[in-house]
Amino acid sequence: MEQRQVVGMAVDTVSLDVGRTTDVATHYAWLPTNRWGLECVAHLEQRRAVGTTWVAGTPRISGATGGPSRLIALT
């Protein structure tokens, strides 16, 4: 099995967690390990799987655990 060094994930749903979970297990397991997650990202399937460079712009908000971002695909 191939091992990958995944550092982030993007989903087209409103949460990294599945459904109406109340424990947000993915948030607690994924984000504290210095990895990132983007939510509400639409139409990812319209970009090439190989050869696309993704640029995520996120502001630093004092005291916040997240915030709005802008995702740009360079193809």
N, C-alpha and C. Protein backbone atom coordinates (compact mmCIF):
# COMPACT_ATOMS: atom_id res chain seq x y z
N MET A 1 0.84 -1.18 0.00
CA MET A 1 0.00 0.00 0.00
C MET A 1 0.89 1.25 0.00
N GLU A 2 0.56 2.18 -0.85
CA GLU A 2 1.32 3.43 -0.95
C GLU A 2 1.01 4.34 0.24
N GLN A 3 2.05 4.90 0.83
CA GLN A 3 1.89 5.84 1.94
C GLN A 3 1.98 7.26 1.40
N ARG A 4 1.09 8.13 1.81
CA ARG A 4 1.10 9.52 1.37
C ARG A 4 1.23 10.44 2.56
N GLN A 5 1.84 11.56 2.33
CA GLN A 5 2.00 12.58 3.37
C GLN A 5 0.91 13.65 3.15
N VAL A 6 -0.30 13.34 3.54
CA VAL A 6 -1.43 14.25 3.35
C VAL A 6 -1.39 15.33 4.43
N VAL A 7 -1.49 16.59 4.01
CA VAL A 7 -1.43 17.69 4.97
C VAL A 7 -2.73 18.48 5.02
N GLY A 8 -3.67 18.18 4.13
CA GLY A 8 -4.92 18.92 4.15
C GLY A 8 -6.02 18.18 3.41
N MET A 9 -7.25 18.61 3.64
CA MET A 9 -8.39 18.06 2.93
C MET A 9 -9.41 19.15 2.68
N ALA A 10 -10.13 18.98 1.59
CA ALA A 10 -11.21 19.91 1.25
C ALA A 10 -12.46 19.08 0.98
N VAL A 11 -13.58 19.54 1.53
CA VAL A 11 -14.84 18.83 1.37
C VAL A 11 -15.91 19.78 0.86
N ASP A 12 -16.92 19.25 0.19
CA ASP A 12 -17.98 20.10 -0.32
C ASP A 12 -19.18 20.16 0.62
N THR A 13 -18.97 19.77 1.85
CA THR A 13 -20.01 19.82 2.87
C THR A 13 -19.70 20.92 3.88
N VAL A 14 -20.61 21.16 4.81
CA VAL A 14 -20.42 22.24 5.78
C VAL A 14 -19.53 21.85 6.95
N SER A 15 -19.07 20.60 6.98
CA SER A 15 -18.22 20.17 8.07
C SER A 15 -17.27 19.07 7.60
N LEU A 16 -16.10 19.00 8.22
CA LEU A 16 -15.18 17.89 7.95
C LEU A 16 -15.74 16.59 8.49
N ASP A 17 -16.64 16.68 9.46
CA ASP A 17 -17.24 15.50 10.08
C ASP A 17 -18.49 15.08 9.31
N VAL A 18 -18.85 13.80 9.46
CA VAL A 18 -19.97 13.22 8.74
C VAL A 18 -21.29 13.51 9.44
N GLY A 19 -22.27 13.94 8.67
CA GLY A 19 -23.63 14.08 9.16
C GLY A 19 -23.81 15.03 10.33
N ARG A 20 -24.74 14.68 11.19
CA ARG A 20 -25.09 15.53 12.33
C ARG A 20 -24.33 15.13 13.59
N THR A 21 -23.06 14.87 13.46
CA THR A 21 -22.27 14.46 14.61
C THR A 21 -22.18 15.59 15.64
N THR A 22 -22.10 15.22 16.88
CA THR A 22 -21.94 16.23 17.93
C THR A 22 -20.56 16.17 18.56
N ASP A 23 -19.79 15.12 18.24
CA ASP A 23 -18.46 14.99 18.85
C ASP A 23 -17.34 15.57 17.98
N VAL A 24 -17.63 15.94 16.75
CA VAL A 24 -16.66 16.48 15.78
C VAL A 24 -15.30 15.79 15.86
N ALA A 25 -15.33 14.47 15.81
CA ALA A 25 -14.12 13.64 15.96
C ALA A 25 -13.06 13.94 14.91
N THR A 26 -13.47 14.18 13.67
CA THR A 26 -12.49 14.49 12.63
C THR A 26 -11.75 15.78 12.94
N HIS A 27 -12.46 16.78 13.41
CA HIS A 27 -11.81 18.04 13.79
C HIS A 27 -10.75 17.80 14.86
N TYR A 28 -11.10 17.04 15.88
CA TYR A 28 -10.17 16.81 17.00
C TYR A 28 -9.02 15.88 16.62
N ALA A 29 -9.24 14.98 15.68
CA ALA A 29 -8.17 14.06 15.27
C ALA A 29 -7.26 14.67 14.20
N TRP A 30 -7.82 15.44 13.29
CA TRP A 30 -7.09 15.93 12.12
C TRP A 30 -6.37 17.26 12.38
N LEU A 31 -7.10 18.26 12.83
CA LEU A 31 -6.55 19.62 12.92
C LEU A 31 -5.42 19.79 13.93
N PRO A 32 -5.44 19.16 15.09
CA PRO A 32 -4.32 19.32 16.03
C PRO A 32 -3.00 18.70 15.56
N THR A 33 -3.03 17.93 14.48
CA THR A 33 -1.81 17.30 13.96
C THR A 33 -1.15 18.16 12.89
N ASN A 34 -1.40 19.47 12.94
CA ASN A 34 -0.80 20.44 12.03
C ASN A 34 -1.23 20.21 10.57
N ARG A 35 -2.47 19.75 10.41
CA ARG A 35 -3.06 19.60 9.08
C ARG A 35 -4.26 20.53 8.99
N TRP A 36 -4.66 20.86 7.79
CA TRP A 36 -5.74 21.82 7.60
C TRP A 36 -6.93 21.16 6.92
N GLY A 37 -8.09 21.84 7.02
CA GLY A 37 -9.30 21.38 6.36
C GLY A 37 -10.10 22.56 5.84
N LEU A 38 -10.59 22.44 4.63
CA LEU A 38 -11.46 23.46 4.04
C LEU A 38 -12.84 22.87 3.85
N GLU A 39 -13.86 23.60 4.26
CA GLU A 39 -15.24 23.15 4.15
C GLU A 39 -15.97 24.00 3.12
N CYS A 40 -17.07 23.48 2.59
CA CYS A 40 -17.92 24.18 1.62
C CYS A 40 -17.17 24.52 0.34
N VAL A 41 -16.36 23.61 -0.14
CA VAL A 41 -15.63 23.80 -1.38
C VAL A 41 -16.39 23.05 -2.47
N ALA A 42 -16.97 23.77 -3.42
CA ALA A 42 -17.81 23.16 -4.44
C ALA A 42 -17.06 22.90 -5.73
N HIS A 43 -17.50 21.92 -6.47
CA HIS A 43 -17.06 21.61 -7.83
C HIS A 43 -15.59 21.20 -7.95
N LEU A 44 -15.06 20.54 -6.92
CA LEU A 44 -13.68 20.06 -7.01
C LEU A 44 -13.49 19.07 -8.16
N GLU A 45 -14.53 18.32 -8.48
CA GLU A 45 -14.42 17.31 -9.53
C GLU A 45 -14.21 17.93 -10.91
N GLN A 46 -14.44 19.23 -11.06
CA GLN A 46 -14.26 19.89 -12.34
C GLN A 46 -12.79 20.27 -12.60
N ARG A 47 -11.94 20.07 -11.64
CA ARG A 47 -10.50 20.36 -11.80
C ARG A 47 -9.76 19.06 -12.07
N ARG A 48 -8.63 19.16 -12.73
CA ARG A 48 -7.82 17.97 -13.00
C ARG A 48 -7.24 17.43 -11.70
N ALA A 49 -7.25 16.11 -11.56
CA ALA A 49 -6.70 15.48 -10.36
C ALA A 49 -5.20 15.64 -10.29
N VAL A 50 -4.54 15.67 -11.44
CA VAL A 50 -3.09 15.84 -11.50
C VAL A 50 -2.80 17.10 -12.30
N GLY A 51 -1.90 17.91 -11.82
CA GLY A 51 -1.51 19.10 -12.56
C GLY A 51 -2.21 20.38 -12.12
N THR A 52 -3.01 20.31 -11.09
CA THR A 52 -3.65 21.50 -10.54
C THR A 52 -2.93 21.93 -9.28
N THR A 53 -2.61 23.20 -9.20
CA THR A 53 -2.02 23.75 -7.97
C THR A 53 -3.11 24.53 -7.26
N TRP A 54 -3.29 24.23 -5.98
CA TRP A 54 -4.32 24.89 -5.18
C TRP A 54 -3.66 25.93 -4.28
N VAL A 55 -4.25 27.11 -4.24
CA VAL A 55 -3.77 28.18 -3.37
C VAL A 55 -4.91 28.56 -2.44
N ALA A 56 -4.68 28.45 -1.14
CA ALA A 56 -5.71 28.80 -0.15
C ALA A 56 -5.26 30.05 0.60
N GLY A 57 -6.07 31.07 0.53
CA GLY A 57 -5.79 32.30 1.26
C GLY A 57 -6.68 32.38 2.48
N THR A 58 -6.09 32.45 3.64
CA THR A 58 -6.85 32.53 4.88
C THR A 58 -6.29 33.63 5.77
N PRO A 59 -7.16 34.48 6.29
CA PRO A 59 -6.67 35.52 7.20
C PRO A 59 -6.41 34.96 8.59
N ARG A 60 -5.48 35.55 9.30
CA ARG A 60 -5.26 35.18 10.70
C ARG A 60 -6.18 36.05 11.55
N ILE A 61 -7.02 35.40 12.32
CA ILE A 61 -7.96 36.12 13.19
C ILE A 61 -7.59 35.80 14.63
N SER A 62 -7.23 36.81 15.37
CA SER A 62 -6.78 36.64 16.74
C SER A 62 -7.82 35.90 17.58
N GLY A 63 -7.39 34.81 18.20
CA GLY A 63 -8.26 34.05 19.09
C GLY A 63 -9.22 33.10 18.40
N ALA A 64 -9.22 33.08 17.07
CA ALA A 64 -10.17 32.24 16.34
C ALA A 64 -9.56 30.87 16.03
N THR A 65 -10.41 29.88 15.87
CA THR A 65 -9.96 28.55 15.49
C THR A 65 -10.20 28.28 14.01
N GLY A 66 -10.77 29.22 13.32
CA GLY A 66 -11.05 29.09 11.89
C GLY A 66 -11.53 30.40 11.34
N GLY A 67 -11.88 30.41 10.08
CA GLY A 67 -12.38 31.63 9.48
C GLY A 67 -12.61 31.46 7.99
N PRO A 68 -13.04 32.52 7.33
CA PRO A 68 -13.31 32.44 5.89
C PRO A 68 -12.02 32.30 5.10
N SER A 69 -12.10 31.59 3.99
CA SER A 69 -10.94 31.38 3.13
C SER A 69 -11.35 31.55 1.68
N ARG A 70 -10.36 31.74 0.85
CA ARG A 70 -10.58 31.78 -0.59
C ARG A 70 -9.68 30.73 -1.22
N LEU A 71 -10.24 29.85 -2.03
CA LEU A 71 -9.49 28.77 -2.66
C LEU A 71 -9.41 29.05 -4.15
N ILE A 72 -8.20 29.02 -4.70
CA ILE A 72 -7.99 29.30 -6.11
C ILE A 72 -7.29 28.09 -6.74
N ALA A 73 -7.78 27.65 -7.89
CA ALA A 73 -7.17 26.54 -8.62
C ALA A 73 -6.39 27.10 -9.80
N LEU A 74 -5.10 26.77 -9.86
CA LEU A 74 -4.25 27.15 -10.98
C LEU A 74 -4.07 25.92 -11.85
N THR A 75 -4.62 25.97 -13.07
CA THR A 75 -4.54 24.80 -13.95
C THR A 75 -3.78 25.12 -15.21
